């Protein structure tokens, strides 16, 4: 697999200890390599949009509380 990329991150909503983000993620290109080392096939993965919920703990450290595919999207 080639490198994955976060294409965009959009702040959707905030509160003092929570934030909601819309994240567009491109998982890159899947490359199938033959035993001899030659490239057999390449297939780009389509980008996918996730809704990510961040939560701050009592020390103010932010953590990912959940990441789910946006409505109509499927899991990778």
Protein backbone atom coordinates (compact mmCIF):
# COMPACT_ATOMS: atom_id res chain seq x y z
CA UNK A 1 0.00 0.00 0.00
CA UNK A 2 1.15 3.51 -0.75
CA UNK A 3 1.00 6.28 1.82
CA UNK A 4 -2.38 7.35 3.11
CA UNK A 5 -3.40 11.01 3.14
CA UNK A 6 -5.81 13.19 5.10
CA UNK A 7 -7.24 15.30 2.27
CA UNK A 8 -9.19 17.68 4.47
CA UNK A 9 -10.28 18.27 8.05
CA UNK A 10 -13.28 20.51 8.72
CA UNK A 11 -14.41 21.66 12.17
CA UNK A 12 -18.16 21.01 12.30
CA UNK A 13 -19.08 21.81 15.91
CA UNK A 14 -17.41 22.61 19.23
CA UNK A 15 -18.18 22.74 22.93
CA UNK A 16 -15.76 23.22 25.86
CA UNK A 17 -14.72 19.54 26.03
CA UNK A 18 -15.91 18.07 22.72
CA UNK A 19 -15.40 18.80 19.03
CA UNK A 20 -16.78 17.22 15.89
CA UNK A 21 -14.69 17.04 12.73
CA UNK A 22 -15.42 15.94 9.17
CA UNK A 23 -12.31 14.20 7.86
CA UNK A 24 -11.73 13.17 4.23
CA UNK A 25 -9.21 10.35 4.08
CA UNK A 26 -7.59 8.79 1.01
CA UNK A 27 -6.07 5.41 1.84
CA UNK A 28 -3.77 5.55 -1.20
CA UNK A 29 -3.18 2.91 -3.84
CA UNK A 30 -3.17 -0.83 -3.36
CA UNK A 31 -0.30 -2.40 -5.33
CA UNK A 32 -0.23 -6.15 -5.91
CA UNK A 33 3.33 -7.39 -6.44
CA UNK A 34 4.24 -10.73 -8.01
CA UNK A 35 6.67 -13.08 -6.27
CA UNK A 36 9.35 -11.98 -8.77
CA UNK A 37 8.96 -8.38 -7.58
CA UNK A 38 7.07 -7.06 -10.61
CA UNK A 39 3.88 -5.05 -10.21
CA UNK A 40 0.89 -7.25 -11.07
CA UNK A 41 -1.91 -4.75 -10.50
CA UNK A 42 -2.63 -1.30 -9.02
CA UNK A 43 -5.97 -0.15 -7.69
CA UNK A 44 -6.68 3.29 -6.25
CA UNK A 45 -8.81 3.34 -3.14
CA UNK A 46 -11.53 6.00 -3.24
CA UNK A 47 -11.49 8.73 -0.60
CA UNK A 48 -13.80 8.30 2.35
CA UNK A 49 -15.41 10.81 4.71
CA UNK A 50 -15.51 10.18 8.47
CA UNK A 51 -17.22 12.04 11.30
CA UNK A 52 -14.71 12.19 14.15
CA UNK A 53 -15.63 13.08 17.72
CA UNK A 54 -12.85 14.46 19.92
CA UNK A 55 -13.13 14.65 23.70
CA UNK A 56 -10.92 16.52 26.17
CA UNK A 57 -10.14 14.79 29.48
CA UNK A 58 -9.80 16.55 32.85
CA UNK A 59 -6.20 17.58 32.03
CA UNK A 60 -7.25 19.16 28.71
CA UNK A 61 -5.69 16.44 26.57
CA UNK A 62 -7.77 15.78 23.43
CA UNK A 63 -8.47 12.20 22.36
CA UNK A 64 -10.44 10.57 19.57
CA UNK A 65 -13.69 9.31 21.11
CA UNK A 66 -15.14 7.89 17.88
CA UNK A 67 -14.62 7.84 14.12
CA UNK A 68 -17.47 6.63 11.96
CA UNK A 69 -18.06 6.73 8.20
CA UNK A 70 -20.32 9.58 7.21
CA UNK A 71 -23.90 8.57 6.28
CA UNK A 72 -23.90 6.68 2.99
CA UNK A 73 -20.22 5.67 3.27
CA UNK A 74 -19.01 2.14 3.93
CA UNK A 75 -16.16 0.90 6.11
CA UNK A 76 -12.74 0.52 4.48
